[in-house]
Amino acid sequence: AVEYSNETDGWVPPGYATFQEYLKAAMPTLYPQYKGDTQTASIPFLGPSFANVRDRPGQLLTALPNASNYMDIGNVHDYPGGQYPEGPAGGGWGISMTESINRARLGSTKAVWATELGYRKSPDDPGHRAVSETAAAKYFPRVFLSHLKRSAPRVYIYQLVDNGQTDELGIINHDGTLRKQFTAIKNFIQTFKDAGAAFPPEKLDYTLTGDLTNVESMLFQKRDKTFLLVLWQAVSSSNGPADINPVRKNVTVTLANAATTVRVYEPTFDLDVKNSLTDVTAINVAVPDHITVIEINGHGIEGTTSEIG
């Protein structure tokens, strides 16, 4: 993909007084050039990114009301600032992820990519709280799923290797050792990977009962017809660098038709099977503040489903 200059609200190119003035000139010029050239026409062109995800999109629209005409996909740097992703400030700058993503659409209904997002280990700062490795490990899979729910199908993590400076945003330490969030992301990919052409997912008829306060769910299916039902608590796992461990919520998944086999995982920290069942219609799960994945095989195809891209 191609994007405009990075976070131009943090700097202004020479010859321009404001970032709005620069983008008002640049966007109607650069976008048609790329789309009019056969060698680059098929490359997705992202909208501008901003450090201030709350105010800058609106300020750009005031200067250039049709700004969304000059992008294929919106672009957001919705750093949660140490907040939990589903919370009222999970999109950065005191706004929710939903609001941050919607503002990045620049008045359109286009999809959005999060081209920067991360959790810092230190130092703790009121404007961007640090979180522990454990909390970051819990948050990243929830970040991916929460973005997918909001038509933001790609998240780019900042950053891979810590640069040895003070923000410590890497998922790998400066000396090359792995942080817990690296393992959580690796396990997430291992759990959900299913390469191949797109296919129409089947349907799963199920209900959730029990203590569902702050419990979120998403349903996926793989090409071998395996369903993956994901549950998690959308709550805070961190108070700054101090961990919070909420009490698990007891939830029952009731299937309309018995599943041949069911396996339960908590892949944030390992890929071990936590529970294995056969020929069941009721699955009891103690849902934590990190994702629980219920793998369901041999079930009838009724009801509703969601799909992962």
C-alpha atoms as a PDB file:
ATOM      1  CA  ALA A   1       0.000   0.000   0.000  1.00  0.00           C
ATOM      2  CA  VAL A   2       0.931   3.668  -0.313  1.00  0.00           C
ATOM      3  CA  GLU A   3       0.243   6.368   2.251  1.00  0.00           C
ATOM      4  CA  TYR A   4       0.723  10.090   2.548  1.00  0.00           C
ATOM      5  CA  SER A   5       3.495  11.560   4.684  1.00  0.00           C
ATOM      6  CA  ASN A   6       3.477  10.161   8.191  1.00  0.00           C
ATOM      7  CA  GLU A   7       1.550  12.085  10.872  1.00  0.00           C
ATOM      8  CA  THR A   8       1.782  15.478   9.198  1.00  0.00           C
ATOM      9  CA  ASP A   9      -0.024  17.047  12.151  1.00  0.00           C
ATOM     10  CA  GLY A  10       3.247  16.615  14.047  1.00  0.00           C
ATOM     11  CA  TRP A  11       5.337  18.448  11.446  1.00  0.00           C
ATOM     12  CA  VAL A  12       4.663  20.677   8.475  1.00  0.00           C
ATOM     13  CA  PRO A  13       6.580  20.245   5.199  1.00  0.00           C
ATOM     14  CA  PRO A  14       8.569  23.284   4.058  1.00  0.00           C
ATOM     15  CA  GLY A  15       6.467  25.815   2.204  1.00  0.00           C
ATOM     16  CA  TYR A  16       3.237  25.156   4.085  1.00  0.00           C
ATOM     17  CA  ALA A  17       1.857  26.892   7.166  1.00  0.00           C
ATOM     18  CA  THR A  18      -0.333  24.033   8.444  1.00  0.00           C
ATOM     19  CA  PHE A  19      -0.843  20.323   7.880  1.00  0.00           C
ATOM     20  CA  GLN A  20      -4.286  21.129   6.434  1.00  0.00           C
ATOM     21  CA  GLU A  21      -2.748  23.396   3.828  1.00  0.00           C
ATOM     22  CA  TYR A  22      -0.241  20.700   2.872  1.00  0.00           C
ATOM     23  CA  LEU A  23      -2.806  17.880   2.580  1.00  0.00           C
ATOM     24  CA  LYS A  24      -5.272  20.110   0.726  1.00  0.00           C
ATOM     25  CA  ALA A  25      -2.586  20.503  -1.922  1.00  0.00           C
ATOM     26  CA  ALA A  26      -1.086  17.028  -1.794  1.00  0.00           C
ATOM     27  CA  MET A  27      -4.123  14.739  -1.730  1.00  0.00           C
ATOM     28  CA  PRO A  28      -5.883  15.932  -4.933  1.00  0.00           C
ATOM     29  CA  THR A  29      -2.513  15.824  -6.684  1.00  0.00           C
ATOM     30  CA  LEU A  30      -0.922  12.548  -5.553  1.00  0.00           C
ATOM     31  CA  TYR A  31      -3.949  10.267  -5.550  1.00  0.00           C
ATOM     32  CA  PRO A  32      -4.909  10.838  -9.216  1.00  0.00           C
ATOM     33  CA  GLN A  33      -1.272  10.403 -10.213  1.00  0.00           C
ATOM     34  CA  TYR A  34      -1.072   6.949  -8.621  1.00  0.00           C
ATOM     35  CA  LYS A  35      -4.488   5.848  -9.843  1.00  0.00           C
ATOM     36  CA  GLY A  36      -3.838   7.158 -13.325  1.00  0.00           C
ATOM     37  CA  ASP A  37      -0.600   5.191 -13.746  1.00  0.00           C
ATOM     38  CA  THR A  38      -1.082   1.567 -14.857  1.00  0.00           C
ATOM     39  CA  GLN A  39       1.937   0.478 -12.809  1.00  0.00           C
ATOM     40  CA  THR A  40       0.470   1.763  -9.528  1.00  0.00           C
ATOM     41  CA  ALA A  41      -3.291   1.901 -10.131  1.00  0.00           C
ATOM     42  CA  SER A  42      -3.936  -1.386  -8.318  1.00  0.00           C
ATOM     43  CA  ILE A  43      -1.923  -0.477  -5.205  1.00  0.00           C
ATOM     44  CA  PRO A  44      -4.199   0.476  -2.282  1.00  0.00           C
ATOM     45  CA  PHE A  45      -3.785   4.144  -1.393  1.00  0.00           C
ATOM     46  CA  LEU A  46      -4.317   4.882   2.287  1.00  0.00           C
ATOM     47  CA  GLY A  47      -5.605   8.097   3.765  1.00  0.00           C
ATOM     48  CA  PRO A  48      -3.433  10.367   5.903  1.00  0.00           C
ATOM     49  CA  SER A  49      -2.379   9.308   9.388  1.00  0.00           C
ATOM     50  CA  PHE A  50      -2.486  11.612  12.394  1.00  0.00           C
ATOM     51  CA  ALA A  51      -0.914  11.583  15.823  1.00  0.00           C
ATOM     52  CA  ASN A  52      -4.033  13.306  17.189  1.00  0.00           C
ATOM     53  CA  VAL A  53      -6.756  10.896  16.080  1.00  0.00           C
ATOM     54  CA  ARG A  54      -9.455  12.905  17.856  1.00  0.00           C
ATOM     55  CA  ASP A  55      -9.174  16.372  16.315  1.00  0.00           C
ATOM     56  CA  ARG A  56      -7.134  16.227  13.110  1.00  0.00           C
ATOM     57  CA  PRO A  57      -9.548  14.319  10.830  1.00  0.00           C
ATOM     58  CA  GLY A  58     -12.246  16.936  11.439  1.00  0.00           C
ATOM     59  CA  GLN A  59      -9.800  19.765  10.885  1.00  0.00           C
ATOM     60  CA  LEU A  60      -8.773  18.223   7.571  1.00  0.00           C
ATOM     61  CA  LEU A  61     -12.411  17.886   6.505  1.00  0.00           C
ATOM     62  CA  THR A  62     -12.976  21.568   7.232  1.00  0.00           C
ATOM     63  CA  ALA A  63     -10.180  22.413   4.795  1.00  0.00           C
ATOM     64  CA  LEU A  64     -10.898  19.613   2.302  1.00  0.00           C
ATOM     65  CA  PRO A  65     -14.494  18.324   2.676  1.00  0.00           C
ATOM     66  CA  ASN A  66     -14.067  15.658  -0.018  1.00  0.00           C
ATOM     67  CA  ALA A  67     -10.796  14.295   1.407  1.00  0.00           C
ATOM     68  CA  SER A  68     -12.105  10.719   1.390  1.00  0.00           C
ATOM     69  CA  ASN A  69     -12.228  10.859  -2.410  1.00  0.00           C
ATOM     70  CA  TYR A  70      -8.435  10.733  -2.357  1.00  0.00           C
ATOM     71  CA  MET A  71      -7.986   7.445  -0.522  1.00  0.00           C
ATOM     72  CA  ASP A  72      -9.005   3.822  -0.993  1.00  0.00           C
ATOM     73  CA  ILE A  73      -8.789   2.911   2.690  1.00  0.00           C
ATOM     74  CA  GLY A  74      -8.746   4.998   5.851  1.00  0.00           C
ATOM     75  CA  ASN A  75      -5.618   5.152   8.000  1.00  0.00           C
ATOM     76  CA  VAL A  76      -5.479   5.385  11.787  1.00  0.00           C
ATOM     77  CA  HIS A  77      -2.792   5.360  14.477  1.00  0.00           C
ATOM     78  CA  ASP A  78      -5.155   4.487  17.304  1.00  0.00           C
ATOM     79  CA  TYR A  79      -2.676   3.841  20.095  1.00  0.00           C
ATOM     80  CA  PRO A  80      -4.796   2.972  23.128  1.00  0.00           C
ATOM     81  CA  GLY A  81      -2.400   4.851  25.416  1.00  0.00           C
ATOM     82  CA  GLY A  82      -2.371   2.016  27.926  1.00  0.00           C
ATOM     83  CA  GLN A  83      -6.169   1.748  27.986  1.00  0.00           C
ATOM     84  CA  TYR A  84      -8.066  -1.455  27.273  1.00  0.00           C
ATOM     85  CA  PRO A  85      -9.051  -1.670  23.603  1.00  0.00           C
ATOM     86  CA  GLU A  86     -12.826  -1.916  23.994  1.00  0.00           C
ATOM     87  CA  GLY A  87     -13.094   0.860  26.576  1.00  0.00           C
ATOM     88  CA  PRO A  88     -14.263   4.465  26.242  1.00  0.00           C
ATOM     89  CA  ALA A  89     -10.684   5.656  25.680  1.00  0.00           C
ATOM     90  CA  GLY A  90      -9.380   2.608  23.802  1.00  0.00           C
ATOM     91  CA  GLY A  91      -8.915   4.514  20.551  1.00  0.00           C
ATOM     92  CA  GLY A  92      -6.474   7.059  21.949  1.00  0.00           C
ATOM     93  CA  TRP A  93      -6.835  10.733  22.814  1.00  0.00           C
ATOM     94  CA  GLY A  94      -9.714  10.008  25.163  1.00  0.00           C
ATOM     95  CA  ILE A  95     -12.025   8.525  22.520  1.00  0.00           C
ATOM     96  CA  SER A  96     -13.144   4.969  21.829  1.00  0.00           C
ATOM     97  CA  MET A  97     -11.706   2.705  19.180  1.00  0.00           C
ATOM     98  CA  THR A  98     -15.015   2.903  17.332  1.00  0.00           C
ATOM     99  CA  GLU A  99     -14.844   6.702  17.261  1.00  0.00           C
ATOM    100  CA  SER A 100     -11.176   6.777  16.280  1.00  0.00           C
ATOM    101  CA  ILE A 101     -11.757   4.387  13.368  1.00  0.00           C
ATOM    102  CA  ASN A 102     -14.888   6.213  12.226  1.00  0.00           C
ATOM    103  CA  ARG A 103     -13.083   9.558  12.192  1.00  0.00           C
ATOM    104  CA  ALA A 104     -10.336   8.029  10.054  1.00  0.00           C
ATOM    105  CA  ARG A 105     -12.965   7.261   7.396  1.00  0.00           C
ATOM    106  CA  LEU A 106     -13.087  11.039   6.723  1.00  0.00           C
ATOM    107  CA  GLY A 107     -16.847  11.049   6.289  1.00  0.00           C
ATOM    108  CA  SER A 108     -16.952   7.891   4.152  1.00  0.00           C
ATOM    109  CA  THR A 109     -17.868   4.266   4.868  1.00  0.00           C
ATOM    110  CA  LYS A 110     -14.526   2.918   3.672  1.00  0.00           C
ATOM    111  CA  ALA A 111     -12.555   0.279   5.551  1.00  0.00           C
ATOM    112  CA  VAL A 112      -9.692   1.424   7.780  1.00  0.00           C
ATOM    113  CA  TRP A 113      -6.237   0.023   8.451  1.00  0.00           C
ATOM    114  CA  ALA A 114      -4.497   0.706  11.748  1.00  0.00           C
ATOM    115  CA  THR A 115      -0.996   1.309  10.402  1.00  0.00           C
ATOM    116  CA  GLU A 116       0.488   1.983  13.850  1.00  0.00           C
ATOM    117  CA  LEU A 117      -0.628   0.665  17.201  1.00  0.00           C
ATOM    118  CA  GLY A 118       1.257  -0.484  20.270  1.00  0.00           C
ATOM    119  CA  TYR A 119       1.567  -0.703  24.034  1.00  0.00           C
ATOM    120  CA  ARG A 120       4.558   0.739  25.814  1.00  0.00           C
ATOM    121  CA  LYS A 121       6.359  -0.972  28.665  1.00  0.00           C
ATOM    122  CA  SER A 122       7.769   2.217  30.181  1.00  0.00           C
ATOM    123  CA  PRO A 123       7.925   4.948  31.265  1.00  0.00           C
ATOM    124  CA  ASP A 124       4.485   5.417  32.733  1.00  0.00           C
ATOM    125  CA  ASP A 125       2.988   8.697  31.574  1.00  0.00           C
ATOM    126  CA  PRO A 126      -0.496  10.163  32.178  1.00  0.00           C
ATOM    127  CA  GLY A 127      -0.958  10.679  28.444  1.00  0.00           C
ATOM    128  CA  HIS A 128       0.264   7.239  27.438  1.00  0.00           C
ATOM    129  CA  ARG A 129       0.198   4.793  30.321  1.00  0.00           C
ATOM    130  CA  ALA A 130       2.680   1.956  30.377  1.00  0.00           C
ATOM    131  CA  VAL A 131       1.418  -1.587  30.767  1.00  0.00           C
ATOM    132  CA  SER A 132       3.120  -4.784  31.816  1.00  0.00           C
ATOM    133  CA  GLU A 133       4.055  -7.505  29.351  1.00  0.00           C
ATOM    134  CA  THR A 134       1.221  -9.616  30.731  1.00  0.00           C
ATOM    135  CA  ALA A 135      -1.383  -6.901  30.080  1.00  0.00           C
ATOM    136  CA  ALA A 136      -0.012  -6.209  26.583  1.00  0.00           C
ATOM    137  CA  ALA A 137      -0.195  -9.929  25.831  1.00  0.00           C
ATOM    138  CA  LYS A 138      -3.852  -9.971  26.873  1.00  0.00           C
ATOM    139  CA  TYR A 139      -4.683  -6.830  24.914  1.00  0.00           C
ATOM    140  CA  PHE A 140      -3.172  -7.555  21.480  1.00  0.00           C
ATOM    141  CA  PRO A 141      -5.484 -10.443  20.444  1.00  0.00           C
ATOM    142  CA  ARG A 142      -8.415  -8.376  21.710  1.00  0.00           C
ATOM    143  CA  VAL A 143      -7.136  -5.424  19.654  1.00  0.00           C
ATOM    144  CA  PHE A 144      -7.104  -7.538  16.482  1.00  0.00           C
ATOM    145  CA  LEU A 145     -10.624  -8.871  17.016  1.00  0.00           C
ATOM    146  CA  SER A 146     -12.004  -5.489  18.075  1.00  0.00           C
ATOM    147  CA  HIS A 147     -10.656  -3.867  14.919  1.00  0.00           C
ATOM    148  CA  LEU A 148     -12.103  -6.635  12.782  1.00  0.00           C
ATOM    149  CA  LYS A 149     -15.506  -6.039  14.366  1.00  0.00           C
ATOM    150  CA  ARG A 150     -15.278  -2.404  13.289  1.00  0.00           C
ATOM    151  CA  SER A 151     -14.389  -2.987   9.618  1.00  0.00           C
ATOM    152  CA  ALA A 152     -10.716  -2.325  10.281  1.00  0.00           C
ATOM    153  CA  PRO A 153      -9.251  -5.608   9.032  1.00  0.00           C
ATOM    154  CA  ARG A 154      -5.524  -4.849   9.317  1.00  0.00           C
ATOM    155  CA  VAL A 155      -3.414  -3.834  12.304  1.00  0.00           C
ATOM    156  CA  TYR A 156       0.287  -3.029  12.029  1.00  0.00           C
ATOM    157  CA  ILE A 157       2.135  -3.270  15.324  1.00  0.00           C
ATOM    158  CA  TYR A 158       4.595  -0.624  16.374  1.00  0.00           C
ATOM    159  CA  GLN A 159       7.101  -1.980  16.856  1.00  0.00           C
ATOM    160  CA  LEU A 160       8.798  -5.331  16.239  1.00  0.00           C
ATOM    161  CA  VAL A 161      12.088  -4.800  18.103  1.00  0.00           C
ATOM    162  CA  ASP A 162      12.460  -2.254  20.878  1.00  0.00           C
ATOM    163  CA  ASN A 163      14.822   0.494  19.769  1.00  0.00           C
ATOM    164  CA  GLY A 164      16.483   0.930  23.156  1.00  0.00           C
ATOM    165  CA  GLN A 165      14.858   4.315  23.736  1.00  0.00           C
ATOM    166  CA  THR A 166      12.452   5.246  26.496  1.00  0.00           C
ATOM    167  CA  ASP A 167       9.079   4.300  24.988  1.00  0.00           C
ATOM    168  CA  GLU A 168       9.805   0.551  24.840  1.00  0.00           C
ATOM    169  CA  LEU A 169       7.028  -0.284  22.379  1.00  0.00           C
ATOM    170  CA  GLY A 170       8.654  -3.391  20.923  1.00  0.00           C
ATOM    171  CA  ILE A 171       7.233  -6.900  21.128  1.00  0.00           C
ATOM    172  CA  ILE A 172      10.880  -8.069  21.199  1.00  0.00           C
ATOM    173  CA  ASN A 173      13.365  -6.636  23.674  1.00  0.00           C
ATOM    174  CA  HIS A 174      16.370  -4.649  22.491  1.00  0.00           C
ATOM    175  CA  ASP A 175      18.613  -7.663  23.270  1.00  0.00           C
ATOM    176  CA  GLY A 176      16.488  -9.979  21.104  1.00  0.00           C
ATOM    177  CA  THR A 177      14.592 -11.775  23.858  1.00  0.00           C
ATOM    178  CA  LEU A 178      10.868 -12.190  23.334  1.00  0.00           C
ATOM    179  CA  ARG A 179       8.213 -10.370  25.309  1.00  0.00           C
ATOM    180  CA  LYS A 180       4.969 -12.047  26.338  1.00  0.00           C
ATOM    181  CA  GLN A 181       3.047 -10.070  23.729  1.00  0.00           C
ATOM    182  CA  PHE A 182       5.199 -11.606  20.985  1.00  0.00           C
ATOM    183  CA  THR A 183       4.128 -15.073  22.106  1.00  0.00           C
ATOM    184  CA  ALA A 184       0.487 -13.983  22.336  1.00  0.00           C
ATOM    185  CA  ILE A 185       0.557 -12.675  18.753  1.00  0.00           C
ATOM    186  CA  LYS A 186       2.372 -15.769  17.469  1.00  0.00           C
ATOM    187  CA  ASN A 187      -0.183 -18.036  19.161  1.00  0.00           C
ATOM    188  CA  PHE A 188      -3.051 -15.953  17.791  1.00  0.00           C
ATOM    189  CA  ILE A 189      -1.748 -16.411  14.253  1.00  0.00           C
ATOM    190  CA  GLN A 190      -1.214 -20.129  14.843  1.00  0.00           C
ATOM    191  CA  THR A 191      -4.780 -20.525  16.132  1.00  0.00           C
ATOM    192  CA  PHE A 192      -6.560 -18.670  13.338  1.00  0.00           C
ATOM    193  CA  LYS A 193      -4.383 -19.219  10.271  1.00  0.00           C
ATOM    194  CA  ASP A 194      -6.281 -20.845   7.395  1.00  0.00           C
ATOM    195  CA  ALA A 195      -4.653 -19.995   4.087  1.00  0.00           C
ATOM    196  CA  GLY A 196      -6.625 -20.385   0.890  1.00  0.00           C
ATOM    197  CA  ALA A 197      -9.325 -18.856  -1.239  1.00  0.00           C
ATOM    198  CA  ALA A 198     -12.340 -17.162   0.304  1.00  0.00           C
ATOM    199  CA  PHE A 199     -15.310 -19.414   0.993  1.00  0.00           C
ATOM    200  CA  PRO A 200     -18.878 -19.005   2.281  1.00  0.00           C
ATOM    201  CA  PRO A 201     -18.932 -19.913   5.984  1.00  0.00           C
ATOM    202  CA  GLU A 202     -21.589 -22.237   7.297  1.00  0.00           C
ATOM    203  CA  LYS A 203     -23.853 -21.367  10.219  1.00  0.00           C
ATOM    204  CA  LEU A 204     -23.796 -22.368  13.848  1.00  0.00           C
ATOM    205  CA  ASP A 205     -26.878 -22.334  16.072  1.00  0.00           C
ATOM    206  CA  TYR A 206     -25.826 -21.522  19.641  1.00  0.00           C
ATOM    207  CA  THR A 207     -26.729 -19.387  22.629  1.00  0.00           C
ATOM    208  CA  LEU A 208     -24.699 -17.845  25.443  1.00  0.00           C
ATOM    209  CA  THR A 209     -26.020 -17.761  29.004  1.00  0.00           C
ATOM    210  CA  GLY A 210     -24.581 -16.972  32.416  1.00  0.00           C
ATOM    211  CA  ASP A 211     -22.744 -13.853  33.561  1.00  0.00           C
ATOM    212  CA  LEU A 212     -22.371 -12.041  30.237  1.00  0.00           C
ATOM    213  CA  THR A 213     -21.485  -8.619  31.652  1.00  0.00           C
ATOM    214  CA  ASN A 214     -18.646  -7.227  29.512  1.00  0.00           C
ATOM    215  CA  VAL A 215     -18.263 -10.575  27.737  1.00  0.00           C
ATOM    216  CA  GLU A 216     -17.679 -10.240  23.997  1.00  0.00           C
ATOM    217  CA  SER A 217     -17.801 -12.990  21.402  1.00  0.00           C
ATOM    218  CA  MET A 218     -16.926 -13.622  17.766  1.00  0.00           C
ATOM    219  CA  LEU A 219     -17.505 -16.709  15.651  1.00  0.00           C
ATOM    220  CA  PHE A 220     -15.270 -17.946  12.822  1.00  0.00           C
ATOM    221  CA  GLN A 221     -15.057 -21.003  10.618  1.00  0.00           C
ATOM    222  CA  LYS A 222     -12.112 -22.643   8.875  1.00  0.00           C
ATOM    223  CA  ARG A 223     -12.137 -24.411   5.553  1.00  0.00           C
ATOM    224  CA  ASP A 224     -12.229 -27.845   7.200  1.00  0.00           C
ATOM    225  CA  LYS A 225     -15.613 -26.773   8.709  1.00  0.00           C
ATOM    226  CA  THR A 226     -14.193 -26.291  12.213  1.00  0.00           C
ATOM    227  CA  PHE A 227     -15.893 -23.458  14.097  1.00  0.00           C
ATOM    228  CA  LEU A 228     -13.911 -21.211  16.439  1.00  0.00           C
ATOM    229  CA  LEU A 229     -16.040 -19.391  18.997  1.00  0.00           C
ATOM    230  CA  VAL A 230     -14.003 -16.722  20.789  1.00  0.00           C
ATOM    231  CA  LEU A 231     -15.008 -15.267  24.163  1.00  0.00           C
ATOM    232  CA  TRP A 232     -13.283 -12.673  26.313  1.00  0.00           C
ATOM    233  CA  GLN A 233     -13.953 -10.055  28.972  1.00  0.00           C
ATOM    234  CA  ALA A 234     -13.739  -6.540  27.559  1.00  0.00           C
ATOM    235  CA  VAL A 235     -12.333  -5.008  30.738  1.00  0.00           C
ATOM    236  CA  SER A 236      -9.120  -3.423  31.913  1.00  0.00           C
ATOM    237  CA  SER A 237      -6.173  -5.728  32.583  1.00  0.00           C
ATOM    238  CA  SER A 238      -3.855  -2.989  33.792  1.00  0.00           C
ATOM    239  CA  ASN A 239      -3.674   0.014  36.067  1.00  0.00           C
ATOM    240  CA  GLY A 240      -0.622   1.594  34.528  1.00  0.00           C
ATOM    241  CA  PRO A 241       2.219  -0.922  34.918  1.00  0.00           C
ATOM    242  CA  ALA A 242       0.316  -2.813  37.635  1.00  0.00           C
ATOM    243  CA  ASP A 243      -1.654  -5.875  36.524  1.00  0.00           C
ATOM    244  CA  ILE A 244      -5.372  -6.368  37.131  1.00  0.00           C
ATOM    245  CA  ASN A 245      -6.741  -9.923  37.145  1.00  0.00           C
ATOM    246  CA  PRO A 246     -10.541  -9.767  36.955  1.00  0.00           C
ATOM    247  CA  VAL A 247     -12.616 -12.636  38.280  1.00  0.00           C
ATOM    248  CA  ARG A 248     -13.564 -15.019  35.482  1.00  0.00           C
ATOM    249  CA  LYS A 249     -17.155 -15.001  34.217  1.00  0.00           C
ATOM    250  CA  ASN A 250     -19.001 -18.320  34.145  1.00  0.00           C
ATOM    251  CA  VAL A 251     -20.638 -18.694  30.744  1.00  0.00           C
ATOM    252  CA  THR A 252     -22.442 -21.633  29.156  1.00  0.00           C
ATOM    253  CA  VAL A 253     -22.431 -22.164  25.399  1.00  0.00           C
ATOM    254  CA  THR A 254     -25.482 -24.196  24.382  1.00  0.00           C
ATOM    255  CA  LEU A 255     -25.481 -25.795  20.935  1.00  0.00           C
ATOM    256  CA  ALA A 256     -28.715 -26.635  19.130  1.00  0.00           C
ATOM    257  CA  ASN A 257     -27.070 -29.816  17.824  1.00  0.00           C
ATOM    258  CA  ALA A 258     -24.469 -31.912  19.614  1.00  0.00           C
ATOM    259  CA  ALA A 259     -20.854 -31.354  18.606  1.00  0.00           C
ATOM    260  CA  THR A 260     -18.747 -34.413  17.921  1.00  0.00           C
ATOM    261  CA  THR A 261     -15.697 -32.877  19.581  1.00  0.00           C
ATOM    262  CA  VAL A 262     -15.012 -29.662  21.464  1.00  0.00           C
ATOM    263  CA  ARG A 263     -11.636 -28.344  22.583  1.00  0.00           C
ATOM    264  CA  VAL A 264     -11.047 -25.214  24.625  1.00  0.00           C
ATOM    265  CA  TYR A 265      -7.890 -23.100  24.367  1.00  0.00           C
ATOM    266  CA  GLU A 266      -6.549 -19.933  25.976  1.00  0.00           C
ATOM    267  CA  PRO A 267      -3.909 -19.146  23.352  1.00  0.00           C
ATOM    268  CA  THR A 268      -2.670 -15.846  24.737  1.00  0.00           C
ATOM    269  CA  PHE A 269      -0.131 -17.637  26.929  1.00  0.00           C
ATOM    270  CA  ASP A 270       0.090 -21.170  25.472  1.00  0.00           C
ATOM    271  CA  LEU A 271      -1.511 -23.500  22.958  1.00  0.00           C
ATOM    272  CA  ASP A 272      -2.391 -26.251  25.449  1.00  0.00           C
ATOM    273  CA  VAL A 273      -5.886 -27.736  25.368  1.00  0.00           C
ATOM    274  CA  LYS A 274      -7.630 -26.617  28.567  1.00  0.00           C
ATOM    275  CA  ASN A 275     -10.670 -28.865  28.160  1.00  0.00           C
ATOM    276  CA  SER A 276     -11.733 -31.562  25.707  1.00  0.00           C
ATOM    277  CA  LEU A 277     -15.310 -32.821  25.305  1.00  0.00           C
ATOM    278  CA  THR A 278     -17.178 -35.225  23.024  1.00  0.00           C
ATOM    279  CA  ASP A 279     -20.837 -35.444  21.957  1.00  0.00           C
ATOM    280  CA  VAL A 280     -21.962 -32.371  23.922  1.00  0.00           C
ATOM    281  CA  THR A 281     -24.513 -29.603  23.541  1.00  0.00           C
ATOM    282  CA  ALA A 282     -23.468 -27.582  26.626  1.00  0.00           C
ATOM    283  CA  ILE A 283     -19.993 -26.141  27.132  1.00  0.00           C
ATOM    284  CA  ASN A 284     -19.176 -24.431  30.424  1.00  0.00           C
ATOM    285  CA  VAL A 285     -16.404 -21.855  30.217  1.00  0.00           C
ATOM    286  CA  ALA A 286     -14.830 -19.578  32.825  1.00  0.00           C
ATOM    287  CA  VAL A 287     -14.075 -16.549  30.659  1.00  0.00           C
ATOM    288  CA  PRO A 288     -10.975 -14.489  31.548  1.00  0.00           C
ATOM    289  CA  ASP A 289      -9.794 -11.073  30.342  1.00  0.00           C
ATOM    290  CA  HIS A 290      -7.875 -12.727  27.529  1.00  0.00           C
ATOM    291  CA  ILE A 291      -9.318 -14.728  24.675  1.00  0.00           C
ATOM    292  CA  THR A 292     -10.786 -18.182  25.123  1.00  0.00           C
ATOM    293  CA  VAL A 293     -11.177 -20.143  21.883  1.00  0.00           C
ATOM    294  CA  ILE A 294     -13.745 -22.943  21.701  1.00  0.00           C
ATOM    295  CA  GLU A 295     -13.063 -25.264  18.781  1.00  0.00           C
ATOM    296  CA  ILE A 296     -16.281 -26.992  17.680  1.00  0.00           C
ATOM    297  CA  ASN A 297     -16.352 -29.900  15.211  1.00  0.00           C
ATOM    298  CA  GLY A 298     -19.122 -32.026  13.747  1.00  0.00           C
ATOM    299  CA  HIS A 299     -22.010 -29.625  14.363  1.00  0.00           C
ATOM    300  CA  GLY A 300     -25.160 -28.908  12.340  1.00  0.00           C
ATOM    301  CA  ILE A 301     -25.285 -25.805  10.143  1.00  0.00           C
ATOM    302  CA  GLU A 302     -28.042 -23.554  11.413  1.00  0.00           C
ATOM    303  CA  GLY A 303     -28.353 -20.083  12.913  1.00  0.00           C
ATOM    304  CA  THR A 304     -25.888 -17.276  12.357  1.00  0.00           C
ATOM    305  CA  THR A 305     -22.152 -16.926  11.989  1.00  0.00           C
ATOM    306  CA  SER A 306     -19.414 -14.359  11.502  1.00  0.00           C
ATOM    307  CA  GLU A 307     -16.331 -14.804   9.362  1.00  0.00           C
ATOM    308  CA  ILE A 308     -12.704 -13.811   9.566  1.00  0.00           C
ATOM    309  CA  GLY A 309     -11.025 -12.462   6.440  1.00  0.00           C
END
